[in-house]
Amino acid sequence: MTTGRPKRLSTTKARSIADAAQLVKAGDWSTSHTWDVVAEDGTLLVVVTPSYGGSSRSGRDGWKWHLAALGPTGTREKWPTRQQAAAQGLMSWIRWVTATR
């Protein structure tokens, strides 16, 4: 896992990395049900976790995401599918790595 802020990327480069990234089960998926968004080179970009607190049988009420380099943020924002959460996380990752410092 990458820690800290990476080198600033151009928008074109960041989008190409995000476009090639894949949503895969995390190594501890069997216990955590967490999914990872991983770049082609194996860099962990975004972590997607189930959100609990709903009234369904499992208690799940959506999916949350956080940037892998920054850790969980405590946001209340939830997405109905893990794919939507991953897409939102990737859009935020692009903004983060292209931001001027």
C-alpha atoms as a PDB file:
ATOM      1  CA  MET A   1       0.000   0.000   0.000  1.00  0.00           C
ATOM      2  CA  THR A   2       1.265   3.415  -0.910  1.00  0.00           C
ATOM      3  CA  THR A   3       1.462   5.874   1.938  1.00  0.00           C
ATOM      4  CA  GLY A   4       1.475   9.632   1.717  1.00  0.00           C
ATOM      5  CA  ARG A   5       0.755  11.779  -1.273  1.00  0.00           C
ATOM      6  CA  PRO A   6       2.106  10.425  -4.573  1.00  0.00           C
ATOM      7  CA  LYS A   7       3.869  12.504  -7.175  1.00  0.00           C
ATOM      8  CA  ARG A   8       1.440  14.822  -8.976  1.00  0.00           C
ATOM      9  CA  LEU A   9       0.118  13.327 -12.215  1.00  0.00           C
ATOM     10  CA  SER A  10      -1.330  14.934 -15.304  1.00  0.00           C
ATOM     11  CA  THR A  11      -5.077  14.513 -15.736  1.00  0.00           C
ATOM     12  CA  THR A  12      -4.494  12.361 -18.823  1.00  0.00           C
ATOM     13  CA  LYS A  13      -2.125  10.006 -16.983  1.00  0.00           C
ATOM     14  CA  ALA A  14      -4.382   9.770 -13.917  1.00  0.00           C
ATOM     15  CA  ARG A  15      -7.408   8.950 -16.093  1.00  0.00           C
ATOM     16  CA  SER A  16      -5.501   6.267 -17.978  1.00  0.00           C
ATOM     17  CA  ILE A  17      -4.491   4.650 -14.665  1.00  0.00           C
ATOM     18  CA  ALA A  18      -8.083   4.838 -13.396  1.00  0.00           C
ATOM     19  CA  ASP A  19      -9.475   3.437 -16.660  1.00  0.00           C
ATOM     20  CA  ALA A  20      -7.207   0.393 -16.400  1.00  0.00           C
ATOM     21  CA  ALA A  21      -7.839  -0.196 -12.675  1.00  0.00           C
ATOM     22  CA  GLN A  22      -9.844  -3.220 -11.596  1.00  0.00           C
ATOM     23  CA  LEU A  23     -12.193  -3.940  -8.705  1.00  0.00           C
ATOM     24  CA  VAL A  24     -11.023  -7.142  -7.009  1.00  0.00           C
ATOM     25  CA  LYS A  25     -11.740  -8.956  -3.773  1.00  0.00           C
ATOM     26  CA  ALA A  26      -9.377  -7.901  -0.995  1.00  0.00           C
ATOM     27  CA  GLY A  27      -7.055 -10.496   0.510  1.00  0.00           C
ATOM     28  CA  ASP A  28      -9.185 -10.629   3.660  1.00  0.00           C
ATOM     29  CA  TRP A  29     -12.480 -10.637   1.746  1.00  0.00           C
ATOM     30  CA  SER A  30     -13.803 -13.784   3.424  1.00  0.00           C
ATOM     31  CA  THR A  31     -13.948 -11.986   6.771  1.00  0.00           C
ATOM     32  CA  SER A  32     -14.236  -8.309   5.830  1.00  0.00           C
ATOM     33  CA  HIS A  33     -16.158  -8.405   2.500  1.00  0.00           C
ATOM     34  CA  THR A  34     -13.889  -5.543   1.421  1.00  0.00           C
ATOM     35  CA  TRP A  35     -12.997  -4.927  -2.230  1.00  0.00           C
ATOM     36  CA  ASP A  36      -9.907  -3.186  -3.624  1.00  0.00           C
ATOM     37  CA  VAL A  37      -9.516  -1.010  -6.701  1.00  0.00           C
ATOM     38  CA  VAL A  38      -6.056  -1.868  -7.995  1.00  0.00           C
ATOM     39  CA  ALA A  39      -3.997  -0.252 -10.775  1.00  0.00           C
ATOM     40  CA  GLU A  40      -2.354  -2.404 -13.458  1.00  0.00           C
ATOM     41  CA  ASP A  41       0.972  -2.223 -11.610  1.00  0.00           C
ATOM     42  CA  GLY A  42      -0.640  -3.587  -8.425  1.00  0.00           C
ATOM     43  CA  THR A  43      -0.897  -0.252  -6.598  1.00  0.00           C
ATOM     44  CA  LEU A  44      -3.905  -0.108  -4.303  1.00  0.00           C
ATOM     45  CA  LEU A  45      -5.875   3.039  -5.161  1.00  0.00           C
ATOM     46  CA  VAL A  46      -9.278   2.771  -3.472  1.00  0.00           C
ATOM     47  CA  VAL A  47     -10.817   0.496  -0.838  1.00  0.00           C
ATOM     48  CA  VAL A  48     -14.549  -0.285  -1.025  1.00  0.00           C
ATOM     49  CA  THR A  49     -16.223  -1.516   2.166  1.00  0.00           C
ATOM     50  CA  PRO A  50     -19.750  -2.601   2.976  1.00  0.00           C
ATOM     51  CA  SER A  51     -21.836  -0.169   4.981  1.00  0.00           C
ATOM     52  CA  TYR A  52     -24.032  -1.545   7.731  1.00  0.00           C
ATOM     53  CA  GLY A  53     -27.007  -0.078   9.521  1.00  0.00           C
ATOM     54  CA  GLY A  54     -29.821  -0.947   7.172  1.00  0.00           C
ATOM     55  CA  SER A  55     -32.931  -2.963   7.732  1.00  0.00           C
ATOM     56  CA  SER A  56     -32.089  -5.819   5.374  1.00  0.00           C
ATOM     57  CA  ARG A  57     -31.439  -9.310   6.717  1.00  0.00           C
ATOM     58  CA  SER A  58     -27.675  -8.779   6.492  1.00  0.00           C
ATOM     59  CA  GLY A  59     -27.897  -5.239   7.901  1.00  0.00           C
ATOM     60  CA  ARG A  60     -26.064  -3.919   4.843  1.00  0.00           C
ATOM     61  CA  ASP A  61     -27.313  -0.635   3.453  1.00  0.00           C
ATOM     62  CA  GLY A  62     -24.782   0.148   0.743  1.00  0.00           C
ATOM     63  CA  TRP A  63     -21.072   0.580   0.065  1.00  0.00           C
ATOM     64  CA  LYS A  64     -18.504   3.174   1.114  1.00  0.00           C
ATOM     65  CA  TRP A  65     -15.081   3.952  -0.319  1.00  0.00           C
ATOM     66  CA  HIS A  66     -11.871   5.591   0.835  1.00  0.00           C
ATOM     67  CA  LEU A  67      -8.532   6.395  -0.767  1.00  0.00           C
ATOM     68  CA  ALA A  68      -6.089   3.665   0.175  1.00  0.00           C
ATOM     69  CA  ALA A  69      -3.278   6.122   0.893  1.00  0.00           C
ATOM     70  CA  LEU A  70      -5.418   8.177   3.286  1.00  0.00           C
ATOM     71  CA  GLY A  71      -7.459   5.540   5.117  1.00  0.00           C
ATOM     72  CA  PRO A  72     -11.106   5.678   6.189  1.00  0.00           C
ATOM     73  CA  THR A  73     -12.552   9.179   6.416  1.00  0.00           C
ATOM     74  CA  GLY A  74     -15.752   8.578   8.347  1.00  0.00           C
ATOM     75  CA  THR A  75     -17.974   9.838   5.532  1.00  0.00           C
ATOM     76  CA  ARG A  76     -21.678   9.084   5.720  1.00  0.00           C
ATOM     77  CA  GLU A  77     -21.989   8.913   1.938  1.00  0.00           C
ATOM     78  CA  LYS A  78     -23.115   5.477   0.700  1.00  0.00           C
ATOM     79  CA  TRP A  79     -23.549   3.992  -2.755  1.00  0.00           C
ATOM     80  CA  PRO A  80     -26.005   1.232  -3.705  1.00  0.00           C
ATOM     81  CA  THR A  81     -23.411  -0.988  -5.452  1.00  0.00           C
ATOM     82  CA  ARG A  82     -19.714  -1.616  -4.945  1.00  0.00           C
ATOM     83  CA  GLN A  83     -19.109  -0.656  -8.593  1.00  0.00           C
ATOM     84  CA  GLN A  84     -20.677   2.777  -8.037  1.00  0.00           C
ATOM     85  CA  ALA A  85     -18.640   3.256  -4.859  1.00  0.00           C
ATOM     86  CA  ALA A  86     -15.471   2.257  -6.727  1.00  0.00           C
ATOM     87  CA  ALA A  87     -16.230   4.721  -9.547  1.00  0.00           C
ATOM     88  CA  GLN A  88     -16.762   7.547  -7.057  1.00  0.00           C
ATOM     89  CA  GLY A  89     -13.541   6.600  -5.288  1.00  0.00           C
ATOM     90  CA  LEU A  90     -11.602   6.638  -8.565  1.00  0.00           C
ATOM     91  CA  MET A  91     -12.972  10.076  -9.450  1.00  0.00           C
ATOM     92  CA  SER A  92     -11.791  11.344  -6.072  1.00  0.00           C
ATOM     93  CA  TRP A  93      -8.411   9.647  -6.542  1.00  0.00           C
ATOM     94  CA  ILE A  94      -7.999  11.456  -9.892  1.00  0.00           C
ATOM     95  CA  ARG A  95      -8.760  14.807  -8.231  1.00  0.00           C
ATOM     96  CA  TRP A  96      -6.317  13.995  -5.414  1.00  0.00           C
ATOM     97  CA  VAL A  97      -3.353  12.990  -7.613  1.00  0.00           C
ATOM     98  CA  THR A  98      -3.852  15.865 -10.066  1.00  0.00           C
ATOM     99  CA  ALA A  99      -4.313  18.613  -7.468  1.00  0.00           C
ATOM    100  CA  THR A 100      -1.720  21.359  -7.323  1.00  0.00           C
ATOM    101  CA  ARG A 101       0.236  21.390  -4.121  1.00  0.00           C
END
